């Protein structure tokens, strides 16, 4: 956890990706942020502070992480599969 985002070191491939905090918050997959049936975003980017930061990160089983954000949000579970697909490192892009 860093103030500017979440740094993940992937075992597979031996690389790491820094997920910018605001981008990750806007990608929250929880039911309050994404319409369950259609997948349509419900979260208005205007409501997410530019200086948002992760306050804590906790493992959820062996499949993901829950991030508690500085805006008080913390219900989304980011799966490792989702994170890996969206890894912003040069190797994955």
N, C-alpha and C. Protein backbone atom coordinates (compact mmCIF):
# COMPACT_ATOMS: atom_id res chain seq x y z
N UNK A 1 0.84 -1.17 0.00
CA UNK A 1 0.00 0.00 0.00
C UNK A 1 0.89 1.23 0.00
N UNK A 2 0.56 2.13 -0.91
CA UNK A 2 1.25 3.41 -0.96
C UNK A 2 0.19 4.50 -1.05
N UNK A 3 0.54 5.72 -0.72
CA UNK A 3 -0.46 6.79 -0.81
C UNK A 3 -0.94 7.01 -2.24
N UNK A 4 -0.08 6.72 -3.21
CA UNK A 4 -0.47 6.95 -4.60
C UNK A 4 -1.10 5.73 -5.26
N UNK A 5 -1.21 4.60 -4.53
CA UNK A 5 -1.83 3.41 -5.11
C UNK A 5 -1.41 2.14 -4.40
N UNK A 6 -1.60 1.04 -5.13
CA UNK A 6 -1.26 -0.29 -4.63
C UNK A 6 -0.20 -0.88 -5.54
N UNK A 7 0.91 -1.31 -4.96
CA UNK A 7 1.98 -1.94 -5.72
C UNK A 7 1.88 -3.45 -5.51
N UNK A 8 1.69 -4.17 -6.61
CA UNK A 8 1.58 -5.63 -6.53
C UNK A 8 2.77 -6.26 -7.22
N UNK A 9 3.45 -7.15 -6.52
CA UNK A 9 4.53 -7.93 -7.11
C UNK A 9 3.96 -9.28 -7.49
N UNK A 10 3.94 -9.55 -8.78
CA UNK A 10 3.39 -10.81 -9.28
C UNK A 10 4.47 -11.89 -9.23
N UNK A 11 4.12 -13.04 -8.70
CA UNK A 11 5.06 -14.16 -8.69
C UNK A 11 5.31 -14.63 -10.11
N UNK A 12 4.23 -14.80 -10.84
CA UNK A 12 4.33 -15.26 -12.22
C UNK A 12 4.90 -14.14 -13.08
N UNK A 13 5.98 -14.38 -13.74
CA UNK A 13 6.58 -13.38 -14.61
C UNK A 13 7.58 -12.48 -13.91
N UNK A 14 7.61 -12.51 -12.58
CA UNK A 14 8.60 -11.74 -11.84
C UNK A 14 8.55 -10.24 -12.08
N UNK A 15 7.37 -9.66 -12.14
CA UNK A 15 7.29 -8.23 -12.33
C UNK A 15 6.31 -7.63 -11.34
N UNK A 16 6.20 -6.32 -11.35
CA UNK A 16 5.29 -5.64 -10.44
C UNK A 16 4.53 -4.55 -11.17
N UNK A 17 3.35 -4.24 -10.66
CA UNK A 17 2.52 -3.20 -11.25
C UNK A 17 2.03 -2.25 -10.18
N UNK A 18 2.14 -0.96 -10.46
CA UNK A 18 1.61 0.06 -9.55
C UNK A 18 0.25 0.48 -10.07
N UNK A 19 -0.78 0.16 -9.32
CA UNK A 19 -2.15 0.51 -9.67
C UNK A 19 -2.45 1.88 -9.05
N UNK A 20 -2.61 2.92 -9.86
CA UNK A 20 -2.89 4.25 -9.31
C UNK A 20 -4.17 4.25 -8.47
N UNK A 21 -4.13 4.94 -7.35
CA UNK A 21 -5.22 4.90 -6.38
C UNK A 21 -6.56 5.30 -6.98
N UNK A 22 -6.63 6.41 -7.66
CA UNK A 22 -7.94 6.87 -8.17
C UNK A 22 -8.47 5.93 -9.24
N UNK A 23 -7.60 5.45 -10.12
CA UNK A 23 -8.04 4.50 -11.15
C UNK A 23 -8.61 3.23 -10.51
N UNK A 24 -7.95 2.76 -9.48
CA UNK A 24 -8.39 1.55 -8.80
C UNK A 24 -9.71 1.79 -8.07
N UNK A 25 -9.85 2.94 -7.43
CA UNK A 25 -11.11 3.26 -6.74
C UNK A 25 -12.25 3.34 -7.74
N UNK A 26 -12.01 3.94 -8.90
CA UNK A 26 -13.05 4.05 -9.93
C UNK A 26 -13.41 2.69 -10.52
N UNK A 27 -12.53 1.71 -10.39
CA UNK A 27 -12.78 0.36 -10.91
C UNK A 27 -13.38 -0.57 -9.86
N UNK A 28 -13.82 -0.02 -8.74
CA UNK A 28 -14.38 -0.86 -7.67
C UNK A 28 -15.52 -1.70 -8.23
N UNK A 29 -15.48 -3.02 -8.00
CA UNK A 29 -16.48 -3.92 -8.56
C UNK A 29 -17.69 -4.16 -7.66
N UNK A 30 -17.83 -3.46 -6.54
CA UNK A 30 -18.92 -3.76 -5.60
C UNK A 30 -20.28 -3.33 -6.15
N UNK A 31 -21.33 -3.82 -5.53
CA UNK A 31 -22.69 -3.54 -5.98
C UNK A 31 -23.08 -2.07 -5.85
N UNK A 32 -22.42 -1.32 -4.99
CA UNK A 32 -22.71 0.11 -4.87
C UNK A 32 -22.05 0.91 -6.01
N UNK A 33 -21.04 0.32 -6.64
CA UNK A 33 -20.29 1.02 -7.69
C UNK A 33 -20.61 0.52 -9.09
N UNK A 34 -21.14 -0.69 -9.20
CA UNK A 34 -21.44 -1.29 -10.50
C UNK A 34 -22.81 -1.96 -10.44
N UNK A 35 -23.66 -1.68 -11.42
CA UNK A 35 -24.99 -2.31 -11.49
C UNK A 35 -24.79 -3.79 -11.75
N UNK A 36 -25.33 -4.59 -10.86
CA UNK A 36 -25.05 -6.03 -10.86
C UNK A 36 -25.44 -6.74 -12.15
N UNK A 37 -26.61 -6.47 -12.68
CA UNK A 37 -27.09 -7.20 -13.85
C UNK A 37 -26.45 -6.74 -15.16
N UNK A 38 -26.29 -5.44 -15.33
CA UNK A 38 -25.78 -4.92 -16.61
C UNK A 38 -24.29 -4.65 -16.60
N UNK A 39 -23.70 -4.48 -15.40
CA UNK A 39 -22.29 -4.11 -15.31
C UNK A 39 -22.06 -2.62 -15.53
N UNK A 40 -23.15 -1.86 -15.62
CA UNK A 40 -23.07 -0.41 -15.84
C UNK A 40 -22.50 0.26 -14.59
N UNK A 41 -21.51 1.15 -14.78
CA UNK A 41 -20.96 1.86 -13.62
C UNK A 41 -22.01 2.73 -12.94
N UNK A 42 -22.05 2.68 -11.63
CA UNK A 42 -22.94 3.53 -10.83
C UNK A 42 -22.17 4.66 -10.17
N UNK A 43 -20.89 4.47 -10.03
CA UNK A 43 -20.04 5.45 -9.35
C UNK A 43 -19.74 6.61 -10.29
N UNK A 44 -20.10 7.81 -9.86
CA UNK A 44 -19.82 9.02 -10.65
C UNK A 44 -18.40 9.48 -10.30
N UNK A 45 -17.50 9.52 -11.30
CA UNK A 45 -16.12 9.93 -11.03
C UNK A 45 -15.99 11.28 -10.33
N UNK A 46 -16.96 12.14 -10.51
CA UNK A 46 -16.94 13.45 -9.85
C UNK A 46 -16.96 13.30 -8.33
N UNK A 47 -17.53 12.19 -7.84
CA UNK A 47 -17.64 11.96 -6.40
C UNK A 47 -16.41 11.31 -5.79
N UNK A 48 -15.40 11.02 -6.60
CA UNK A 48 -14.17 10.40 -6.10
C UNK A 48 -13.08 11.47 -6.05
N UNK A 49 -12.60 11.80 -4.87
CA UNK A 49 -11.57 12.84 -4.74
C UNK A 49 -10.32 12.51 -5.56
N UNK A 50 -9.73 13.52 -6.12
CA UNK A 50 -8.49 13.33 -6.90
C UNK A 50 -7.36 12.79 -6.04
N UNK A 51 -7.39 13.15 -4.74
CA UNK A 51 -6.30 12.72 -3.84
C UNK A 51 -6.67 11.49 -3.01
N UNK A 52 -7.60 10.68 -3.51
CA UNK A 52 -8.00 9.47 -2.80
C UNK A 52 -6.78 8.57 -2.57
N UNK A 53 -6.78 7.86 -1.46
CA UNK A 53 -5.66 6.96 -1.19
C UNK A 53 -6.16 5.73 -0.44
N UNK A 54 -5.47 4.63 -0.60
CA UNK A 54 -5.83 3.42 0.14
C UNK A 54 -5.35 3.55 1.59
N UNK A 55 -6.26 3.30 2.52
CA UNK A 55 -5.92 3.37 3.94
C UNK A 55 -5.40 2.03 4.46
N UNK A 56 -5.98 0.95 3.92
CA UNK A 56 -5.52 -0.38 4.29
C UNK A 56 -5.92 -1.36 3.19
N UNK A 57 -5.20 -2.47 3.15
CA UNK A 57 -5.46 -3.53 2.18
C UNK A 57 -5.47 -4.84 2.96
N UNK A 58 -6.49 -5.66 2.72
CA UNK A 58 -6.54 -6.95 3.42
C UNK A 58 -6.85 -8.06 2.42
N UNK A 59 -6.24 -9.21 2.65
CA UNK A 59 -6.50 -10.37 1.81
C UNK A 59 -7.91 -10.88 2.04
N UNK A 60 -8.53 -11.33 0.96
CA UNK A 60 -9.84 -11.98 1.04
C UNK A 60 -9.62 -13.38 0.49
N UNK A 61 -9.55 -14.34 1.40
CA UNK A 61 -9.24 -15.70 0.99
C UNK A 61 -7.93 -15.74 0.23
N UNK A 62 -7.90 -16.57 -0.81
CA UNK A 62 -6.71 -16.68 -1.65
C UNK A 62 -6.97 -16.08 -3.02
N UNK A 63 -8.06 -15.31 -3.14
CA UNK A 63 -8.44 -14.86 -4.47
C UNK A 63 -8.48 -13.36 -4.69
N UNK A 64 -8.29 -12.55 -3.64
CA UNK A 64 -8.36 -11.12 -3.86
C UNK A 64 -8.01 -10.29 -2.65
N UNK A 65 -8.26 -8.99 -2.78
CA UNK A 65 -8.00 -8.04 -1.71
C UNK A 65 -9.18 -7.08 -1.57
N UNK A 66 -9.37 -6.61 -0.35
CA UNK A 66 -10.33 -5.56 -0.07
C UNK A 66 -9.51 -4.34 0.32
N UNK A 67 -9.87 -3.21 -0.27
CA UNK A 67 -9.16 -1.96 0.00
C UNK A 67 -10.11 -1.02 0.73
N UNK A 68 -9.65 -0.48 1.83
CA UNK A 68 -10.39 0.55 2.54
C UNK A 68 -9.83 1.89 2.11
N UNK A 69 -10.70 2.71 1.54
CA UNK A 69 -10.29 3.97 0.91
C UNK A 69 -10.48 5.17 1.84
N UNK A 70 -9.74 6.23 1.55
CA UNK A 70 -9.81 7.45 2.36
C UNK A 70 -11.17 8.14 2.26
N UNK A 71 -12.01 7.78 1.29
CA UNK A 71 -13.36 8.36 1.20
C UNK A 71 -14.37 7.56 2.01
N UNK A 72 -13.90 6.55 2.75
CA UNK A 72 -14.77 5.76 3.60
C UNK A 72 -15.32 4.51 2.94
N UNK A 73 -15.06 4.32 1.65
CA UNK A 73 -15.55 3.15 0.94
C UNK A 73 -14.64 1.96 1.22
N UNK A 74 -15.21 0.75 1.28
CA UNK A 74 -14.36 -0.41 1.54
C UNK A 74 -15.07 -1.73 1.31
N UNK A 75 -16.08 -1.76 0.46
CA UNK A 75 -16.83 -3.00 0.28
C UNK A 75 -16.41 -3.80 -0.95
N UNK A 76 -15.64 -3.22 -1.83
CA UNK A 76 -15.26 -3.92 -3.06
C UNK A 76 -14.16 -4.94 -2.83
N UNK A 77 -14.30 -6.08 -3.49
CA UNK A 77 -13.24 -7.09 -3.49
C UNK A 77 -12.64 -7.13 -4.89
N UNK A 78 -11.37 -6.82 -4.96
CA UNK A 78 -10.64 -6.84 -6.23
C UNK A 78 -9.99 -8.22 -6.33
N UNK A 79 -10.44 -9.02 -7.28
CA UNK A 79 -9.85 -10.35 -7.42
C UNK A 79 -8.47 -10.23 -8.05
N UNK A 80 -7.62 -11.20 -7.74
CA UNK A 80 -6.29 -11.20 -8.35
C UNK A 80 -6.40 -11.35 -9.86
N UNK A 81 -7.41 -12.09 -10.30
CA UNK A 81 -7.63 -12.25 -11.74
C UNK A 81 -7.96 -10.90 -12.39
N UNK A 82 -8.85 -10.13 -11.77
CA UNK A 82 -9.20 -8.80 -12.27
C UNK A 82 -7.97 -7.89 -12.28
N UNK A 83 -7.21 -7.91 -11.21
CA UNK A 83 -6.03 -7.06 -11.11
C UNK A 83 -4.99 -7.46 -12.15
N UNK A 84 -4.79 -8.73 -12.33
CA UNK A 84 -3.80 -9.20 -13.30
C UNK A 84 -4.17 -8.78 -14.72
N UNK A 85 -5.48 -8.90 -15.05
CA UNK A 85 -5.95 -8.47 -16.38
C UNK A 85 -5.71 -6.98 -16.61
N UNK A 86 -5.80 -6.19 -15.55
CA UNK A 86 -5.64 -4.75 -15.68
C UNK A 86 -4.29 -4.23 -15.24
N UNK A 87 -3.31 -5.12 -15.10
CA UNK A 87 -1.99 -4.69 -14.61
C UNK A 87 -1.44 -3.59 -15.53
N UNK A 88 -1.07 -2.45 -14.91
CA UNK A 88 -0.60 -1.31 -15.71
C UNK A 88 0.89 -1.30 -16.04
N UNK A 89 1.61 -2.37 -15.69
CA UNK A 89 3.06 -2.36 -15.94
C UNK A 89 3.35 -2.45 -17.44
N UNK A 90 4.56 -2.09 -17.82
CA UNK A 90 4.96 -2.11 -19.24
C UNK A 90 4.91 -3.52 -19.82
N UNK A 91 5.24 -4.50 -19.02
CA UNK A 91 5.26 -5.88 -19.48
C UNK A 91 3.86 -6.37 -19.85
N UNK A 92 2.85 -5.95 -19.10
CA UNK A 92 1.48 -6.42 -19.34
C UNK A 92 0.75 -5.60 -20.41
N UNK A 93 1.11 -4.35 -20.55
CA UNK A 93 0.43 -3.52 -21.53
C UNK A 93 0.86 -3.94 -22.88
